[in-house]
């Protein structure tokens, strides 16, 4: 079995303190660390396993030709 690749790069995102707490609690329900959830979501997005549906009020933001 190959050794896992070192994780050397970082993605940053700013959120409100309330959102951060909600995210931590949601990750805990899956018994995962928040960083692991973000990593899995990012990987799934890149692989096409996750799709993002725009909220109705911001639809024009997502309408990119």
N, C-alpha and C. Protein backbone atom coordinates (compact mmCIF):
# COMPACT_ATOMS: atom_id res chain seq x y z
N UNK A 1 0.84 -1.18 0.00
CA UNK A 1 0.00 0.00 0.00
C UNK A 1 0.88 1.24 0.00
N UNK A 2 0.54 2.22 -0.84
CA UNK A 2 1.31 3.45 -0.93
C UNK A 2 1.06 4.35 0.27
N UNK A 3 2.09 5.05 0.68
CA UNK A 3 1.94 6.01 1.78
C UNK A 3 1.11 7.19 1.29
N UNK A 4 0.27 7.77 2.16
CA UNK A 4 -0.54 8.91 1.74
C UNK A 4 0.35 10.11 1.42
N UNK A 5 -0.09 10.91 0.45
CA UNK A 5 0.66 12.12 0.09
C UNK A 5 0.56 13.14 1.23
N UNK A 6 1.65 13.88 1.42
CA UNK A 6 1.65 14.93 2.43
C UNK A 6 0.71 16.06 1.99
N UNK A 7 0.00 16.61 2.94
CA UNK A 7 -0.90 17.73 2.66
C UNK A 7 -0.14 19.01 2.98
N UNK A 8 0.31 19.71 1.93
CA UNK A 8 1.15 20.88 2.15
C UNK A 8 0.47 22.19 1.79
N UNK A 9 -0.59 22.16 0.97
CA UNK A 9 -1.27 23.39 0.58
C UNK A 9 -2.53 23.58 1.41
N UNK A 10 -2.98 24.83 1.46
CA UNK A 10 -4.10 25.19 2.33
C UNK A 10 -5.14 25.98 1.55
N UNK A 11 -6.43 25.72 1.82
CA UNK A 11 -7.53 26.54 1.33
C UNK A 11 -8.10 27.28 2.53
N UNK A 12 -8.40 28.56 2.36
CA UNK A 12 -8.99 29.34 3.44
C UNK A 12 -10.38 29.81 3.03
N UNK A 13 -11.26 29.90 4.00
CA UNK A 13 -12.59 30.45 3.76
C UNK A 13 -13.01 31.21 5.02
N UNK A 14 -13.60 32.36 4.82
CA UNK A 14 -14.09 33.15 5.96
C UNK A 14 -15.56 32.87 6.17
N UNK A 15 -15.94 32.65 7.41
CA UNK A 15 -17.33 32.41 7.78
C UNK A 15 -17.63 33.16 9.07
N UNK A 16 -18.90 33.29 9.36
CA UNK A 16 -19.28 33.92 10.62
C UNK A 16 -19.02 32.94 11.77
N UNK A 17 -18.86 33.44 12.98
CA UNK A 17 -18.68 32.54 14.12
C UNK A 17 -19.86 31.57 14.28
N UNK A 18 -21.07 32.04 13.99
CA UNK A 18 -22.25 31.18 14.12
C UNK A 18 -22.20 30.04 13.10
N UNK A 19 -21.82 30.36 11.86
CA UNK A 19 -21.73 29.33 10.83
C UNK A 19 -20.64 28.32 11.18
N UNK A 20 -19.53 28.81 11.68
CA UNK A 20 -18.44 27.91 12.06
C UNK A 20 -18.91 26.91 13.13
N UNK A 21 -19.64 27.41 14.11
CA UNK A 21 -20.13 26.53 15.18
C UNK A 21 -21.11 25.50 14.63
N UNK A 22 -21.99 25.94 13.74
CA UNK A 22 -22.94 25.00 13.11
C UNK A 22 -22.20 23.94 12.30
N UNK A 23 -21.15 24.34 11.61
CA UNK A 23 -20.37 23.40 10.80
C UNK A 23 -19.67 22.38 11.69
N UNK A 24 -19.09 22.84 12.78
CA UNK A 24 -18.41 21.95 13.72
C UNK A 24 -19.40 20.93 14.28
N UNK A 25 -20.59 21.40 14.65
CA UNK A 25 -21.61 20.50 15.19
C UNK A 25 -22.07 19.49 14.15
N UNK A 26 -22.24 19.94 12.90
CA UNK A 26 -22.67 19.02 11.84
C UNK A 26 -21.59 17.97 11.58
N UNK A 27 -20.33 18.38 11.57
CA UNK A 27 -19.23 17.43 11.36
C UNK A 27 -19.19 16.41 12.49
N UNK A 28 -19.45 16.85 13.69
CA UNK A 28 -19.42 15.96 14.85
C UNK A 28 -20.50 14.88 14.75
N UNK A 29 -21.64 15.22 14.15
CA UNK A 29 -22.70 14.21 13.98
C UNK A 29 -22.24 13.06 13.09
N UNK A 30 -21.27 13.32 12.22
CA UNK A 30 -20.70 12.28 11.36
C UNK A 30 -19.40 11.72 11.95
N UNK A 31 -19.10 12.15 13.17
CA UNK A 31 -17.86 11.75 13.85
C UNK A 31 -16.63 12.05 13.00
N UNK A 32 -16.63 13.25 12.41
CA UNK A 32 -15.52 13.69 11.57
C UNK A 32 -15.01 15.04 12.06
N UNK A 33 -13.74 15.28 11.84
CA UNK A 33 -13.18 16.61 12.11
C UNK A 33 -13.65 17.56 11.01
N UNK A 34 -13.87 18.81 11.34
CA UNK A 34 -14.30 19.77 10.32
C UNK A 34 -13.37 19.81 9.10
N UNK A 35 -12.08 19.74 9.31
CA UNK A 35 -11.13 19.76 8.19
C UNK A 35 -11.34 18.56 7.27
N UNK A 36 -11.66 17.41 7.86
CA UNK A 36 -11.89 16.21 7.06
C UNK A 36 -13.15 16.36 6.20
N UNK A 37 -14.17 17.02 6.75
CA UNK A 37 -15.41 17.25 5.99
C UNK A 37 -15.12 18.18 4.82
N UNK A 38 -14.40 19.28 5.08
CA UNK A 38 -14.06 20.22 4.01
C UNK A 38 -13.25 19.52 2.94
N UNK A 39 -12.28 18.73 3.36
CA UNK A 39 -11.43 18.00 2.41
C UNK A 39 -12.27 17.05 1.55
N UNK A 40 -13.17 16.31 2.18
CA UNK A 40 -14.02 15.37 1.45
C UNK A 40 -14.96 16.09 0.49
N UNK A 41 -15.55 17.20 0.93
CA UNK A 41 -16.43 17.98 0.06
C UNK A 41 -15.67 18.53 -1.14
N UNK A 42 -14.48 19.06 -0.91
CA UNK A 42 -13.67 19.61 -1.99
C UNK A 42 -13.30 18.50 -2.98
N UNK A 43 -12.89 17.35 -2.48
CA UNK A 43 -12.53 16.23 -3.35
C UNK A 43 -13.74 15.77 -4.16
N UNK A 44 -14.89 15.67 -3.51
CA UNK A 44 -16.10 15.24 -4.21
C UNK A 44 -16.51 16.26 -5.27
N UNK A 45 -16.33 17.54 -5.00
CA UNK A 45 -16.65 18.59 -5.97
C UNK A 45 -15.75 18.46 -7.19
N UNK A 46 -14.46 18.27 -6.97
CA UNK A 46 -13.51 18.12 -8.07
C UNK A 46 -13.83 16.88 -8.91
N UNK A 47 -14.22 15.81 -8.25
CA UNK A 47 -14.53 14.56 -8.94
C UNK A 47 -15.93 14.54 -9.57
N UNK A 48 -16.72 15.59 -9.35
CA UNK A 48 -18.06 15.65 -9.93
C UNK A 48 -19.10 14.88 -9.14
N UNK A 49 -18.78 14.51 -7.89
CA UNK A 49 -19.75 13.78 -7.07
C UNK A 49 -20.67 14.73 -6.31
N UNK A 50 -20.35 16.02 -6.31
CA UNK A 50 -21.16 17.02 -5.61
C UNK A 50 -21.50 18.12 -6.60
N UNK A 51 -22.75 18.52 -6.58
CA UNK A 51 -23.19 19.64 -7.42
C UNK A 51 -23.72 20.73 -6.50
N UNK A 52 -23.50 21.97 -6.88
CA UNK A 52 -23.97 23.09 -6.08
C UNK A 52 -25.17 23.71 -6.78
N UNK A 53 -26.31 23.72 -6.07
CA UNK A 53 -27.51 24.37 -6.60
C UNK A 53 -27.54 25.79 -6.06
N UNK A 54 -27.67 26.79 -6.93
CA UNK A 54 -27.69 28.17 -6.45
C UNK A 54 -28.97 28.48 -5.70
N UNK A 55 -28.86 29.28 -4.65
CA UNK A 55 -30.08 29.74 -3.98
C UNK A 55 -30.84 30.68 -4.92
N UNK A 56 -32.14 30.68 -4.84
CA UNK A 56 -32.96 31.49 -5.75
C UNK A 56 -32.57 32.97 -5.74
N UNK A 57 -32.29 33.52 -4.56
CA UNK A 57 -32.00 34.96 -4.49
C UNK A 57 -30.65 35.32 -5.10
N UNK A 58 -29.77 34.35 -5.32
CA UNK A 58 -28.46 34.63 -5.89
C UNK A 58 -28.27 33.97 -7.26
N UNK A 59 -29.36 33.61 -7.92
CA UNK A 59 -29.28 32.88 -9.17
C UNK A 59 -28.41 33.59 -10.20
N UNK A 60 -28.55 34.91 -10.31
CA UNK A 60 -27.78 35.64 -11.32
C UNK A 60 -26.28 35.57 -11.07
N UNK A 61 -25.86 35.38 -9.83
CA UNK A 61 -24.43 35.23 -9.51
C UNK A 61 -23.86 33.97 -10.15
N UNK A 62 -24.66 32.93 -10.24
CA UNK A 62 -24.20 31.65 -10.76
C UNK A 62 -24.38 31.53 -12.28
N UNK A 63 -25.11 32.44 -12.90
CA UNK A 63 -25.35 32.38 -14.34
C UNK A 63 -24.14 32.94 -15.08
N UNK A 64 -23.13 32.12 -15.23
CA UNK A 64 -21.91 32.51 -15.92
C UNK A 64 -21.87 31.78 -17.25
N UNK A 65 -21.67 32.54 -18.35
CA UNK A 65 -21.66 31.87 -19.67
C UNK A 65 -20.50 30.91 -19.83
